[in-house]
Amino acid sequence: PYFNEGFDGESFIDIKVHDKDLAVVVAESYKK
């Protein structure tokens, strides 16, 4: 949430799948 304030937007964290060219969202600042 601190990043949201500084950049006036939304923030996410992605991890990379180890054996495929894909990523997965594991955290977000989403508020409905």
PDB file of all heavy atoms in Angstrom:
ATOM      1  N   PRO A   1       0.803  -1.234   0.000  1.00  0.00           N
ATOM      2  CA  PRO A   1       0.000   0.000   0.000  1.00  0.00           C
ATOM      3  C   PRO A   1       0.831   1.276   0.000  1.00  0.00           C
ATOM      4  O   PRO A   1       0.402   2.307  -0.504  1.00  0.00           O
ATOM      5  CB  PRO A   1      -0.822  -0.116   1.291  1.00  0.00           C
ATOM      6  CG  PRO A   1      -0.884  -1.571   1.572  1.00  0.00           C
ATOM      7  CD  PRO A   1       0.436  -2.108   1.130  1.00  0.00           C
ATOM      8  N   TYR A   2       2.038   1.223   0.562  1.00  0.00           N
ATOM      9  CA  TYR A   2       2.896   2.408   0.580  1.00  0.00           C
ATOM     10  C   TYR A   2       3.313   2.801  -0.839  1.00  0.00           C
ATOM     11  O   TYR A   2       3.444   3.971  -1.163  1.00  0.00           O
ATOM     12  CB  TYR A   2       4.144   2.149   1.433  1.00  0.00           C
ATOM     13  CG  TYR A   2       3.853   2.039   2.904  1.00  0.00           C
ATOM     14  CD1 TYR A   2       3.656   0.797   3.496  1.00  0.00           C
ATOM     15  CD2 TYR A   2       3.772   3.167   3.705  1.00  0.00           C
ATOM     16  CE1 TYR A   2       3.392   0.686   4.851  1.00  0.00           C
ATOM     17  CE2 TYR A   2       3.504   3.067   5.068  1.00  0.00           C
ATOM     18  CZ  TYR A   2       3.313   1.825   5.626  1.00  0.00           C
ATOM     19  OH  TYR A   2       3.047   1.724   6.975  1.00  0.00           O
ATOM     20  N   PHE A   3       3.522   1.787  -1.660  1.00  0.00           N
ATOM     21  CA  PHE A   3       3.874   2.079  -3.048  1.00  0.00           C
ATOM     22  C   PHE A   3       2.724   2.774  -3.758  1.00  0.00           C
ATOM     23  O   PHE A   3       2.918   3.647  -4.587  1.00  0.00           O
ATOM     24  CB  PHE A   3       4.261   0.800  -3.790  1.00  0.00           C
ATOM     25  CG  PHE A   3       5.485   0.124  -3.237  1.00  0.00           C
ATOM     26  CD1 PHE A   3       5.386  -1.059  -2.529  1.00  0.00           C
ATOM     27  CD2 PHE A   3       6.738   0.677  -3.412  1.00  0.00           C
ATOM     28  CE1 PHE A   3       6.517  -1.679  -2.014  1.00  0.00           C
ATOM     29  CE2 PHE A   3       7.869   0.066  -2.903  1.00  0.00           C
ATOM     30  CZ  PHE A   3       7.756  -1.115  -2.200  1.00  0.00           C
ATOM     31  N   ASN A   4       1.498   2.374  -3.454  1.00  0.00           N
ATOM     32  CA  ASN A   4       0.323   3.002  -4.071  1.00  0.00           C
ATOM     33  C   ASN A   4       0.313   4.497  -3.831  1.00  0.00           C
ATOM     34  O   ASN A   4       0.013   5.283  -4.723  1.00  0.00           O
ATOM     35  CB  ASN A   4      -0.965   2.400  -3.498  1.00  0.00           C
ATOM     36  CG  ASN A   4      -1.193   0.980  -3.952  1.00  0.00           C
ATOM     37  OD1 ASN A   4      -0.283   0.337  -4.459  1.00  0.00           O
ATOM     38  ND2 ASN A   4      -2.397   0.479  -3.778  1.00  0.00           N
ATOM     39  N   GLU A   5       0.649   4.907  -2.606  1.00  0.00           N
ATOM     40  CA  GLU A   5       0.633   6.318  -2.278  1.00  0.00           C
ATOM     41  C   GLU A   5       1.711   7.070  -3.037  1.00  0.00           C
ATOM     42  O   GLU A   5       1.488   8.162  -3.541  1.00  0.00           O
ATOM     43  CB  GLU A   5       0.840   6.500  -0.779  1.00  0.00           C
ATOM     44  CG  GLU A   5      -0.327   5.981   0.043  1.00  0.00           C
ATOM     45  CD  GLU A   5       0.019   5.889   1.524  1.00  0.00           C
ATOM     46  OE1 GLU A   5       1.104   6.382   1.901  1.00  0.00           O
ATOM     47  OE2 GLU A   5      -0.779   5.334   2.283  1.00  0.00           O
ATOM     48  N   GLY A   6       2.881   6.469  -3.105  1.00  0.00           N
ATOM     49  CA  GLY A   6       3.982   7.158  -3.762  1.00  0.00           C
ATOM     50  C   GLY A   6       3.802   7.289  -5.250  1.00  0.00           C
ATOM     51  O   GLY A   6       4.257   8.255  -5.864  1.00  0.00           O
ATOM     52  N   PHE A   7       3.112   6.301  -5.872  1.00  0.00           N
ATOM     53  CA  PHE A   7       2.997   6.307  -7.333  1.00  0.00           C
ATOM     54  C   PHE A   7       1.562   6.511  -7.809  1.00  0.00           C
ATOM     55  O   PHE A   7       1.290   6.441  -8.997  1.00  0.00           O
ATOM     56  CB  PHE A   7       3.570   5.002  -7.901  1.00  0.00           C
ATOM     57  CG  PHE A   7       5.051   4.945  -7.812  1.00  0.00           C
ATOM     58  CD1 PHE A   7       5.662   4.510  -6.648  1.00  0.00           C
ATOM     59  CD2 PHE A   7       5.859   5.365  -8.849  1.00  0.00           C
ATOM     60  CE1 PHE A   7       7.039   4.472  -6.541  1.00  0.00           C
ATOM     61  CE2 PHE A   7       7.235   5.336  -8.754  1.00  0.00           C
ATOM     62  CZ  PHE A   7       7.830   4.884  -7.592  1.00  0.00           C
ATOM     63  N   ASP A   8       0.663   6.771  -6.834  1.00  0.00           N
ATOM     64  CA  ASP A   8      -0.724   7.094  -7.174  1.00  0.00           C
ATOM     65  C   ASP A   8      -1.309   6.064  -8.131  1.00  0.00           C
ATOM     66  O   ASP A   8      -1.853   6.395  -9.178  1.00  0.00           O
ATOM     67  CB  ASP A   8      -0.779   8.501  -7.789  1.00  0.00           C
ATOM     68  CG  ASP A   8      -2.223   8.985  -7.930  1.00  0.00           C
ATOM     69  OD1 ASP A   8      -3.069   8.514  -7.145  1.00  0.00           O
ATOM     70  OD2 ASP A   8      -2.482   9.802  -8.824  1.00  0.00           O
ATOM     71  N   GLY A   9      -1.165   4.799  -7.791  1.00  0.00           N
ATOM     72  CA  GLY A   9      -1.680   3.745  -8.658  1.00  0.00           C
ATOM     73  C   GLY A   9      -1.850   2.459  -7.882  1.00  0.00           C
ATOM     74  O   GLY A   9      -2.214   2.468  -6.708  1.00  0.00           O
ATOM     75  N   GLU A  10      -1.588   1.340  -8.545  1.00  0.00           N
ATOM     76  CA  GLU A  10      -1.717   0.038  -7.898  1.00  0.00           C
ATOM     77  C   GLU A  10      -0.407  -0.733  -8.049  1.00  0.00           C
ATOM     78  O   GLU A  10       0.370  -0.493  -8.975  1.00  0.00           O
ATOM     79  CB  GLU A  10      -2.881  -0.739  -8.528  1.00  0.00           C
ATOM     80  CG  GLU A  10      -4.161   0.080  -8.537  1.00  0.00           C
ATOM     81  CD  GLU A  10      -5.402  -0.754  -8.329  1.00  0.00           C
ATOM     82  OE1 GLU A  10      -5.296  -1.872  -7.814  1.00  0.00           O
ATOM     83  OE2 GLU A  10      -6.470  -0.269  -8.693  1.00  0.00           O
ATOM     84  N   SER A  11      -0.185  -1.652  -7.131  1.00  0.00           N
ATOM     85  CA  SER A  11       1.077  -2.395  -7.153  1.00  0.00           C
ATOM     86  C   SER A  11       0.821  -3.892  -7.089  1.00  0.00           C
ATOM     87  O   SER A  11      -0.151  -4.351  -6.476  1.00  0.00           O
ATOM     88  CB  SER A  11       1.975  -1.948  -5.991  1.00  0.00           C
ATOM     89  OG  SER A  11       1.259  -1.938  -4.784  1.00  0.00           O
ATOM     90  N   PHE A  12       1.709  -4.630  -7.748  1.00  0.00           N
ATOM     91  CA  PHE A  12       1.605  -6.086  -7.825  1.00  0.00           C
ATOM     92  C   PHE A  12       2.996  -6.681  -7.656  1.00  0.00           C
ATOM     93  O   PHE A  12       4.010  -6.025  -7.898  1.00  0.00           O
ATOM     94  CB  PHE A  12       1.059  -6.527  -9.191  1.00  0.00           C
ATOM     95  CG  PHE A  12      -0.237  -5.885  -9.591  1.00  0.00           C
ATOM     96  CD1 PHE A  12      -0.250  -4.651 -10.230  1.00  0.00           C
ATOM     97  CD2 PHE A  12      -1.450  -6.515  -9.352  1.00  0.00           C
ATOM     98  CE1 PHE A  12      -1.438  -4.048 -10.611  1.00  0.00           C
ATOM     99  CE2 PHE A  12      -2.645  -5.934  -9.730  1.00  0.00           C
ATOM    100  CZ  PHE A  12      -2.640  -4.696 -10.363  1.00  0.00           C
ATOM    101  N   ILE A  13       3.041  -7.954  -7.283  1.00  0.00           N
ATOM    102  CA  ILE A  13       4.296  -8.710  -7.270  1.00  0.00           C
ATOM    103  C   ILE A  13       4.089  -9.973  -8.095  1.00  0.00           C
ATOM    104  O   ILE A  13       3.122 -10.713  -7.884  1.00  0.00           O
ATOM    105  CB  ILE A  13       4.731  -9.075  -5.840  1.00  0.00           C
ATOM    106  CG1 ILE A  13       5.075  -7.817  -5.059  1.00  0.00           C
ATOM    107  CG2 ILE A  13       5.937 -10.023  -5.877  1.00  0.00           C
ATOM    108  CD1 ILE A  13       5.472  -8.076  -3.617  1.00  0.00           C
ATOM    109  N   ASP A  14       5.011 -10.193  -9.052  1.00  0.00           N
ATOM    110  CA  ASP A  14       4.967 -11.390  -9.897  1.00  0.00           C
ATOM    111  C   ASP A  14       6.179 -12.262  -9.621  1.00  0.00           C
ATOM    112  O   ASP A  14       7.281 -11.757  -9.358  1.00  0.00           O
ATOM    113  CB  ASP A  14       4.989 -11.008 -11.384  1.00  0.00           C
ATOM    114  CG  ASP A  14       3.700 -10.321 -11.831  1.00  0.00           C
ATOM    115  OD1 ASP A  14       2.789 -10.174 -10.998  1.00  0.00           O
ATOM    116  OD2 ASP A  14       3.635  -9.924 -13.009  1.00  0.00           O
ATOM    117  N   ILE A  15       5.977 -13.566  -9.687  1.00  0.00           N
ATOM    118  CA  ILE A  15       7.097 -14.519  -9.662  1.00  0.00           C
ATOM    119  C   ILE A  15       7.161 -15.198 -11.028  1.00  0.00           C
ATOM    120  O   ILE A  15       6.157 -15.282 -11.736  1.00  0.00           O
ATOM    121  CB  ILE A  15       6.939 -15.564  -8.550  1.00  0.00           C
ATOM    122  CG1 ILE A  15       5.602 -16.313  -8.702  1.00  0.00           C
ATOM    123  CG2 ILE A  15       7.068 -14.922  -7.179  1.00  0.00           C
ATOM    124  CD1 ILE A  15       5.440 -17.494  -7.766  1.00  0.00           C
ATOM    125  N   LYS A  16       8.333 -15.695 -11.391  1.00  0.00           N
ATOM    126  CA  LYS A  16       8.494 -16.343 -12.701  1.00  0.00           C
ATOM    127  C   LYS A  16       8.434 -17.860 -12.546  1.00  0.00           C
ATOM    128  O   LYS A  16       9.085 -18.430 -11.659  1.00  0.00           O
ATOM    129  CB  LYS A  16       9.814 -15.936 -13.350  1.00  0.00           C
ATOM    130  CG  LYS A  16       9.898 -16.274 -14.828  1.00  0.00           C
ATOM    131  CD  LYS A  16      11.108 -15.625 -15.470  1.00  0.00           C
ATOM    132  CE  LYS A  16      11.110 -15.834 -16.986  1.00  0.00           C
ATOM    133  NZ  LYS A  16      11.133 -17.236 -17.378  1.00  0.00           N
ATOM    134  N   VAL A  17       7.657 -18.500 -13.409  1.00  0.00           N
ATOM    135  CA  VAL A  17       7.560 -19.964 -13.401  1.00  0.00           C
ATOM    136  C   VAL A  17       8.905 -20.536 -13.845  1.00  0.00           C
ATOM    137  O   VAL A  17       9.469 -20.115 -14.858  1.00  0.00           O
ATOM    138  CB  VAL A  17       6.433 -20.440 -14.342  1.00  0.00           C
ATOM    139  CG1 VAL A  17       6.323 -21.964 -14.333  1.00  0.00           C
ATOM    140  CG2 VAL A  17       5.100 -19.811 -13.919  1.00  0.00           C
ATOM    141  N   HIS A  18       9.416 -21.492 -13.095  1.00  0.00           N
ATOM    142  CA  HIS A  18      10.807 -21.928 -13.328  1.00  0.00           C
ATOM    143  C   HIS A  18      11.004 -22.697 -14.624  1.00  0.00           C
ATOM    144  O   HIS A  18      12.083 -22.643 -15.217  1.00  0.00           O
ATOM    145  CB  HIS A  18      11.301 -22.767 -12.136  1.00  0.00           C
ATOM    146  CG  HIS A  18      10.754 -24.164 -12.092  1.00  0.00           C
ATOM    147  ND1 HIS A  18      11.385 -25.227 -12.684  1.00  0.00           N
ATOM    148  CD2 HIS A  18       9.631 -24.663 -11.525  1.00  0.00           C
ATOM    149  CE1 HIS A  18      10.690 -26.331 -12.488  1.00  0.00           C
ATOM    150  NE2 HIS A  18       9.615 -26.015 -11.783  1.00  0.00           N
ATOM    151  N   ASP A  19       9.985 -23.403 -15.120  1.00  0.00           N
ATOM    152  CA  ASP A  19      10.196 -24.224 -16.309  1.00  0.00           C
ATOM    153  C   ASP A  19       9.365 -23.776 -17.514  1.00  0.00           C
ATOM    154  O   ASP A  19       9.294 -24.473 -18.519  1.00  0.00           O
ATOM    155  CB  ASP A  19       9.879 -25.699 -15.996  1.00  0.00           C
ATOM    156  CG  ASP A  19       8.452 -25.899 -15.484  1.00  0.00           C
ATOM    157  OD1 ASP A  19       7.781 -24.872 -15.212  1.00  0.00           O
ATOM    158  OD2 ASP A  19       8.041 -27.057 -15.359  1.00  0.00           O
ATOM    159  N   LYS A  20       8.742 -22.589 -17.399  1.00  0.00           N
ATOM    160  CA  LYS A  20       7.949 -22.062 -18.510  1.00  0.00           C
ATOM    161  C   LYS A  20       8.149 -20.560 -18.597  1.00  0.00           C
ATOM    162  O   LYS A  20       8.523 -19.914 -17.627  1.00  0.00           O
ATOM    163  CB  LYS A  20       6.459 -22.374 -18.320  1.00  0.00           C
ATOM    164  CG  LYS A  20       6.127 -23.863 -18.374  1.00  0.00           C
ATOM    165  CD  LYS A  20       4.637 -24.090 -18.158  1.00  0.00           C
ATOM    166  CE  LYS A  20       4.319 -25.591 -18.177  1.00  0.00           C
ATOM    167  NZ  LYS A  20       2.885 -25.855 -17.890  1.00  0.00           N
ATOM    168  N   ASP A  21       7.880 -20.015 -19.786  1.00  0.00           N
ATOM    169  CA  ASP A  21       8.031 -18.575 -19.986  1.00  0.00           C
ATOM    170  C   ASP A  21       6.757 -17.865 -19.543  1.00  0.00           C
ATOM    171  O   ASP A  21       6.079 -17.189 -20.325  1.00  0.00           O
ATOM    172  CB  ASP A  21       8.341 -18.284 -21.460  1.00  0.00           C
ATOM    173  CG  ASP A  21       8.947 -16.894 -21.652  1.00  0.00           C
ATOM    174  OD1 ASP A  21       9.539 -16.371 -20.689  1.00  0.00           O
ATOM    175  OD2 ASP A  21       8.820 -16.336 -22.756  1.00  0.00           O
ATOM    176  N   LEU A  22       6.460 -17.998 -18.252  1.00  0.00           N
ATOM    177  CA  LEU A  22       5.242 -17.430 -17.673  1.00  0.00           C
ATOM    178  C   LEU A  22       5.574 -16.805 -16.324  1.00  0.00           C
ATOM    179  O   LEU A  22       6.605 -17.098 -15.717  1.00  0.00           O
ATOM    180  CB  LEU A  22       4.182 -18.524 -17.476  1.00  0.00           C
ATOM    181  CG  LEU A  22       3.713 -19.322 -18.692  1.00  0.00           C
ATOM    182  CD1 LEU A  22       2.854 -20.500 -18.247  1.00  0.00           C
ATOM    183  CD2 LEU A  22       2.939 -18.430 -19.660  1.00  0.00           C
ATOM    184  N   ALA A  23       4.666 -15.946 -15.841  1.00  0.00           N
ATOM    185  CA  ALA A  23       4.795 -15.387 -14.502  1.00  0.00           C
ATOM    186  C   ALA A  23       3.450 -15.503 -13.803  1.00  0.00           C
ATOM    187  O   ALA A  23       2.414 -15.694 -14.447  1.00  0.00           O
ATOM    188  CB  ALA A  23       5.246 -13.936 -14.562  1.00  0.00           C
ATOM    189  N   VAL A  24       3.477 -15.382 -12.480  1.00  0.00           N
ATOM    190  CA  VAL A  24       2.254 -15.517 -11.678  1.00  0.00           C
ATOM    191  C   VAL A  24       2.179 -14.352 -10.700  1.00  0.00           C
ATOM    192  O   VAL A  24       3.181 -13.996 -10.062  1.00  0.00           O
ATOM    193  CB  VAL A  24       2.246 -16.849 -10.891  1.00  0.00           C
ATOM    194  CG1 VAL A  24       0.971 -16.963 -10.060  1.00  0.00           C
ATOM    195  CG2 VAL A  24       2.385 -18.029 -11.832  1.00  0.00           C
ATOM    196  N   VAL A  25       0.988 -13.772 -10.561  1.00  0.00           N
ATOM    197  CA  VAL A  25       0.770 -12.691  -9.598  1.00  0.00           C
ATOM    198  C   VAL A  25       0.579 -13.298  -8.207  1.00  0.00           C
ATOM    199  O   VAL A  25      -0.342 -14.085  -7.996  1.00  0.00           O
ATOM    200  CB  VAL A  25      -0.469 -11.844  -9.968  1.00  0.00           C
ATOM    201  CG1 VAL A  25      -0.649 -10.705  -8.964  1.00  0.00           C
ATOM    202  CG2 VAL A  25      -0.361 -11.298 -11.383  1.00  0.00           C
ATOM    203  N   VAL A  26       1.464 -12.934  -7.264  1.00  0.00           N
ATOM    204  CA  VAL A  26       1.376 -13.522  -5.921  1.00  0.00           C
ATOM    205  C   VAL A  26       0.971 -12.511  -4.857  1.00  0.00           C
ATOM    206  O   VAL A  26       0.673 -12.889  -3.725  1.00  0.00           O
ATOM    207  CB  VAL A  26       2.714 -14.192  -5.520  1.00  0.00           C
ATOM    208  CG1 VAL A  26       3.026 -15.355  -6.430  1.00  0.00           C
ATOM    209  CG2 VAL A  26       3.849 -13.185  -5.497  1.00  0.00           C
ATOM    210  N   ALA A  27       0.976 -11.227  -5.201  1.00  0.00           N
ATOM    211  CA  ALA A  27       0.551 -10.206  -4.241  1.00  0.00           C
ATOM    212  C   ALA A  27       0.059  -8.987  -5.015  1.00  0.00           C
ATOM    213  O   ALA A  27       0.534  -8.703  -6.120  1.00  0.00           O
ATOM    214  CB  ALA A  27       1.696  -9.814  -3.318  1.00  0.00           C
ATOM    215  N   GLU A  28      -0.911  -8.281  -4.431  1.00  0.00           N
ATOM    216  CA  GLU A  28      -1.439  -7.072  -5.059  1.00  0.00           C
ATOM    217  C   GLU A  28      -2.037  -6.174  -3.997  1.00  0.00           C
ATOM    218  O   GLU A  28      -2.398  -6.617  -2.902  1.00  0.00           O
ATOM    219  CB  GLU A  28      -2.497  -7.419  -6.106  1.00  0.00           C
ATOM    220  CG  GLU A  28      -3.728  -8.096  -5.520  1.00  0.00           C
ATOM    221  CD  GLU A  28      -4.787  -8.434  -6.548  1.00  0.00           C
ATOM    222  OE1 GLU A  28      -4.557  -8.199  -7.734  1.00  0.00           O
ATOM    223  OE2 GLU A  28      -5.851  -8.935  -6.130  1.00  0.00           O
ATOM    224  N   SER A  29      -2.156  -4.910  -4.333  1.00  0.00           N
ATOM    225  CA  SER A  29      -2.721  -3.949  -3.388  1.00  0.00           C
ATOM    226  C   SER A  29      -4.205  -3.719  -3.663  1.00  0.00           C
ATOM    227  O   SER A  29      -4.762  -2.708  -3.263  1.00  0.00           O
ATOM    228  CB  SER A  29      -1.969  -2.625  -3.498  1.00  0.00           C
ATOM    229  OG  SER A  29      -2.066  -2.116  -4.827  1.00  0.00           O
ATOM    230  N   TYR A  30      -4.843  -4.656  -4.335  1.00  0.00           N
ATOM    231  CA  TYR A  30      -6.228  -4.519  -4.793  1.00  0.00           C
ATOM    232  C   TYR A  30      -7.209  -4.302  -3.638  1.00  0.00           C
ATOM    233  O   TYR A  30      -7.201  -5.022  -2.641  1.00  0.00           O
ATOM    234  CB  TYR A  30      -6.611  -5.787  -5.565  1.00  0.00           C
ATOM    235  CG  TYR A  30      -8.068  -5.869  -5.997  1.00  0.00           C
ATOM    236  CD1 TYR A  30      -8.502  -5.168  -7.111  1.00  0.00           C
ATOM    237  CD2 TYR A  30      -8.976  -6.647  -5.294  1.00  0.00           C
ATOM    238  CE1 TYR A  30      -9.833  -5.251  -7.528  1.00  0.00           C
ATOM    239  CE2 TYR A  30     -10.302  -6.740  -5.690  1.00  0.00           C
ATOM    240  CZ  TYR A  30     -10.731  -6.035  -6.812  1.00  0.00           C
ATOM    241  OH  TYR A  30     -12.028  -6.113  -7.220  1.00  0.00           O
ATOM    242  N   LYS A  31      -8.022  -3.265  -3.780  1.00  0.00           N
ATOM    243  CA  LYS A  31      -9.155  -3.040  -2.876  1.00  0.00           C
ATOM    244  C   LYS A  31     -10.395  -2.919  -3.751  1.00  0.00           C
ATOM    245  O   LYS A  31     -10.446  -2.048  -4.637  1.00  0.00           O
ATOM    246  CB  LYS A  31      -8.966  -1.763  -2.059  1.00  0.00           C
ATOM    247  CG  LYS A  31      -7.924  -1.871  -0.969  1.00  0.00           C
ATOM    248  CD  LYS A  31      -7.886  -0.612  -0.126  1.00  0.00           C
ATOM    249  CE  LYS A  31      -6.863  -0.741   0.989  1.00  0.00           C
ATOM    250  NZ  LYS A  31      -6.823   0.487   1.830  1.00  0.00           N
ATOM    251  N   LYS A  32     -11.360  -3.760  -3.532  1.00  0.00           N
ATOM    252  CA  LYS A  32     -12.502  -3.893  -4.448  1.00  0.00           C
ATOM    253  C   LYS A  32     -13.185  -2.560  -4.741  1.00  0.00           C
ATOM    254  O   LYS A  32     -13.512  -2.261  -5.887  1.00  0.00           O
ATOM    255  CB  LYS A  32     -13.508  -4.890  -3.889  1.00  0.00           C
ATOM    256  CG  LYS A  32     -14.588  -5.272  -4.899  1.00  0.00           C
ATOM    257  CD  LYS A  32     -15.376  -6.474  -4.425  1.00  0.00           C
ATOM    258  CE  LYS A  32     -16.353  -6.906  -5.529  1.00  0.00           C
ATOM    259  NZ  LYS A  32     -17.108  -8.101  -5.138  1.00  0.00           N
TER     260      LYS A  32
END
